[in-house]
Every structure is written in structure tokens, then in C-alpha cells.
Amino acid sequence: MPLLDNIDRQLLTILQADASLSIEELAERVGLTKTPCWRRVQKLEKSGIIRRKVVLLNAEILGLPVSVFILVKTSQHDPEWSESFAAFMAELPEVVACHRMAGEYHYLLHAVVRNVAAYDHLHKQLICYSGVFHVASSFAMEQIKNTTELPIPPGD
């Protein structure tokens, strides 16, 4: 991991909360002038620490109130199948996260859908995918915490 000083950590914390802030606002919050602040943000982007800046949408207002966590077992473990499955996941807009797992299940998916009928359509796509032999789903009843903000490790 690249060395981060306290100002870098402050910038990351602030940007995670609100990436729409101008360089002027960022600089003021961390006690820098515009140019050094801009250079630091550029360095954080080039190093890959900042992958991209996005807008977070409200799924419920958009008509996607159902959050489903899906566990998938597969009989395939070769690299070609894994790449194919990853490409398949990328084609499914309702799947917002897909993780390859260790343990009893091989993949954990997070999907957001309009309703149970929309989930049923997704479920049918999953169970028909070659190599998938078991799909288990759990519907979220209430969202307690959902953040994209990572804990910034303290300096040494």
C-alpha cells in the first residue's frame, strides 16, 4: 500500500462521503491550497486508491425495493468457466455485487429487483446457467447499514 499521510487520509475520508466537492472545498477542509490538494487527489487516483467517483442512487425511489442475497454452488472450478460466469454476472444489471467465496457456497450475489416476480426471472437465469447446481436466496427485510465508505487505516 502506498504511504498515506494524515492529509491523504483526510482527503479519502471526505471524498468517500461526498465526491462532488470542488478542489477548493477539499483544500479548505484539509488546510491546503488548491494546487497541492489537486496534486494529492491526482496521486491517489493514479495509485489506484481512488478507483472512480460515482453517484449513489436510492433503489427504493427508483422502484427497486427488494434486496436479495443469493448463494450459488457450482460444479465447475476451472478458469474458463469462472471467466464465463464473471461475464454472465456483468450482463445482469440487477446483480449489483458478486463475490467468489471460500466455504460451502462458491459465489455470493447481491441483487436489487422490483418484486418477487422480477427475482423469479433472475433465479431462472441463474439455475439455467451451465455448471450452476444450487441456488439459495434470502430476501432482506430491513437495511440496517449499507455504506460504500471504507475504514481508512491509521498511519504507522
Protein backbone atom coordinates (compact mmCIF):
# COMPACT_ATOMS: atom_id res chain seq x y z
CA MET A 1 0.00 0.00 0.00
CA PRO A 2 1.34 3.45 -0.85
CA LEU A 3 2.32 5.59 2.10
CA LEU A 4 -0.51 7.85 3.16
CA ASP A 5 -0.06 10.81 5.44
CA ASN A 6 -2.77 12.38 7.58
CA ILE A 7 -3.83 14.78 4.82
CA ASP A 8 -4.24 11.90 2.33
CA ARG A 9 -6.37 10.06 4.92
CA GLN A 10 -8.48 13.17 5.48
CA LEU A 11 -8.98 13.60 1.73
CA LEU A 12 -10.05 9.96 1.34
CA THR A 13 -12.49 10.23 4.23
CA ILE A 14 -14.01 13.44 2.88
CA LEU A 15 -14.22 12.19 -0.72
CA GLN A 16 -15.89 8.94 0.35
CA ALA A 17 -18.62 10.96 2.00
CA ASP A 18 -19.02 13.49 -0.85
CA ALA A 19 -17.06 13.17 -4.09
CA SER A 20 -18.87 16.17 -5.56
CA LEU A 21 -16.85 18.67 -3.53
CA SER A 22 -14.70 21.05 -5.53
CA ILE A 23 -10.93 21.11 -5.14
CA GLU A 24 -11.36 24.48 -3.42
CA GLU A 25 -13.71 22.98 -0.82
CA LEU A 26 -11.45 19.95 -0.31
CA ALA A 27 -8.37 22.15 0.07
CA GLU A 28 -10.10 24.33 2.63
CA ARG A 29 -11.23 21.32 4.68
CA VAL A 30 -7.73 19.81 4.88
CA GLY A 31 -5.82 23.10 5.21
CA LEU A 32 -4.11 23.20 1.81
CA THR A 33 -4.19 25.50 -1.18
CA LYS A 34 -5.85 24.33 -4.41
CA THR A 35 -2.80 23.15 -6.37
CA PRO A 36 -1.24 20.89 -3.70
CA CYS A 37 -4.68 19.48 -2.91
CA TRP A 38 -5.36 18.76 -6.60
CA ARG A 39 -1.93 17.06 -6.90
CA ARG A 40 -2.70 14.83 -3.92
CA VAL A 41 -6.06 13.79 -5.34
CA GLN A 42 -4.39 13.08 -8.70
CA LYS A 43 -1.75 10.95 -6.92
CA LEU A 44 -4.48 9.00 -5.11
CA GLU A 45 -6.26 8.38 -8.43
CA LYS A 46 -3.08 7.34 -10.28
CA SER A 47 -2.09 4.96 -7.48
CA GLY A 48 -5.46 3.21 -7.79
CA ILE A 49 -6.58 4.04 -4.25
CA ILE A 50 -9.35 6.15 -5.77
CA ARG A 51 -10.82 3.83 -8.40
CA ARG A 52 -13.61 6.12 -9.60
CA LYS A 53 -16.15 8.67 -8.46
CA VAL A 54 -19.82 7.75 -8.62
CA VAL A 55 -23.28 8.89 -7.64
CA LEU A 56 -25.19 6.66 -5.20
CA LEU A 57 -28.83 6.20 -6.13
CA ASN A 58 -31.84 5.42 -3.96
CA ALA A 59 -33.01 1.95 -5.09
CA GLU A 60 -36.38 2.25 -3.39
CA ILE A 61 -37.28 5.55 -5.09
CA LEU A 62 -36.19 4.01 -8.41
CA GLY A 63 -38.66 1.17 -7.88
CA LEU A 64 -36.11 -1.46 -6.80
CA PRO A 65 -37.09 -2.02 -3.16
CA VAL A 66 -36.30 -5.74 -2.94
CA SER A 67 -32.74 -6.66 -1.96
CA VAL A 68 -31.81 -10.33 -2.38
CA PHE A 69 -28.68 -12.17 -1.29
CA ILE A 70 -28.06 -15.23 -3.41
CA LEU A 71 -25.72 -18.13 -2.68
CA VAL A 72 -24.58 -20.18 -5.68
CA LYS A 73 -22.91 -23.59 -5.80
CA THR A 74 -21.19 -24.72 -8.96
CA SER A 75 -19.71 -27.97 -10.20
CA GLN A 76 -17.21 -26.04 -12.32
CA HIS A 77 -13.96 -24.65 -10.97
CA ASP A 78 -11.74 -24.19 -13.99
CA PRO A 79 -10.56 -20.70 -15.01
CA GLU A 80 -12.53 -20.68 -18.28
CA TRP A 81 -15.84 -21.34 -16.51
CA SER A 82 -15.03 -18.76 -13.84
CA GLU A 83 -14.33 -16.14 -16.52
CA SER A 84 -17.54 -17.09 -18.33
CA PHE A 85 -19.55 -16.82 -15.11
CA ALA A 86 -17.99 -13.42 -14.34
CA ALA A 87 -19.00 -12.22 -17.83
CA PHE A 88 -22.53 -13.56 -17.25
CA MET A 89 -22.73 -11.64 -13.94
CA ALA A 90 -21.58 -8.46 -15.70
CA GLU A 91 -24.56 -8.81 -18.09
CA LEU A 92 -27.14 -8.89 -15.27
CA PRO A 93 -27.90 -5.30 -14.21
CA GLU A 94 -29.91 -6.42 -11.20
CA VAL A 95 -26.81 -8.13 -9.75
CA VAL A 96 -25.01 -5.25 -8.05
CA ALA A 97 -22.30 -7.38 -6.39
CA CYS A 98 -20.81 -10.81 -6.98
CA HIS A 99 -18.14 -12.38 -4.80
CA ARG A 100 -16.30 -15.69 -5.23
CA MET A 101 -16.30 -17.31 -1.82
CA ALA A 102 -14.49 -19.92 0.22
CA GLY A 103 -16.70 -22.40 2.03
CA GLU A 104 -19.84 -24.33 1.25
CA TYR A 105 -21.09 -21.90 -1.41
CA HIS A 106 -18.91 -20.70 -4.25
CA TYR A 107 -20.48 -17.33 -5.05
CA LEU A 108 -22.42 -14.71 -3.12
CA LEU A 109 -24.52 -12.30 -5.17
CA HIS A 110 -26.42 -9.21 -4.14
CA ALA A 111 -29.33 -8.29 -6.40
CA VAL A 112 -31.87 -5.47 -6.33
CA VAL A 113 -35.21 -6.05 -8.04
CA ARG A 114 -38.69 -4.56 -8.36
CA ASN A 115 -40.55 -7.50 -6.83
CA VAL A 116 -40.59 -11.27 -6.35
CA ALA A 117 -41.62 -11.83 -9.98
CA ALA A 118 -38.52 -9.94 -11.14
CA TYR A 119 -36.41 -12.04 -8.79
CA ASP A 120 -38.03 -15.21 -10.15
CA HIS A 121 -36.89 -14.20 -13.65
CA LEU A 122 -33.32 -13.72 -12.38
CA HIS A 123 -33.47 -17.01 -10.47
CA LYS A 124 -34.47 -18.87 -13.64
CA GLN A 125 -31.50 -17.34 -15.46
CA LEU A 126 -29.17 -18.47 -12.70
CA ILE A 127 -30.40 -22.05 -12.44
CA CYS A 128 -30.21 -22.47 -16.21
CA TYR A 129 -26.57 -21.37 -16.35
CA SER A 130 -24.35 -24.33 -17.16
CA GLY A 131 -22.41 -25.53 -14.13
CA VAL A 132 -24.69 -23.95 -11.52
CA PHE A 133 -26.30 -26.73 -9.50
CA HIS A 134 -27.70 -24.99 -6.41
CA VAL A 135 -29.08 -21.51 -5.74
CA ALA A 136 -30.25 -20.37 -2.30
CA SER A 137 -31.75 -16.93 -1.73
CA SER A 138 -32.54 -14.70 1.22
CA PHE A 139 -34.59 -11.53 1.00
CA ALA A 140 -33.55 -8.57 3.14
CA MET A 141 -36.31 -7.48 5.48
CA GLU A 142 -34.66 -4.25 6.63
CA GLN A 143 -31.48 -2.43 5.73
CA ILE A 144 -29.57 -1.70 8.93
CA LYS A 145 -26.32 -0.46 7.40
CA ASN A 146 -25.21 -0.03 3.81
CA THR A 147 -22.17 2.07 3.06
CA THR A 148 -19.51 2.34 0.41
CA GLU A 149 -17.17 4.14 2.82
CA LEU A 150 -14.11 2.10 3.74
CA PRO A 151 -12.37 2.48 7.11
CA ILE A 152 -9.13 4.34 6.38
CA PRO A 153 -6.25 2.57 8.15
CA PRO A 154 -4.35 4.77 10.59
CA GLY A 155 -0.76 5.76 9.87
CA ASP A 156 2.15 3.94 11.43
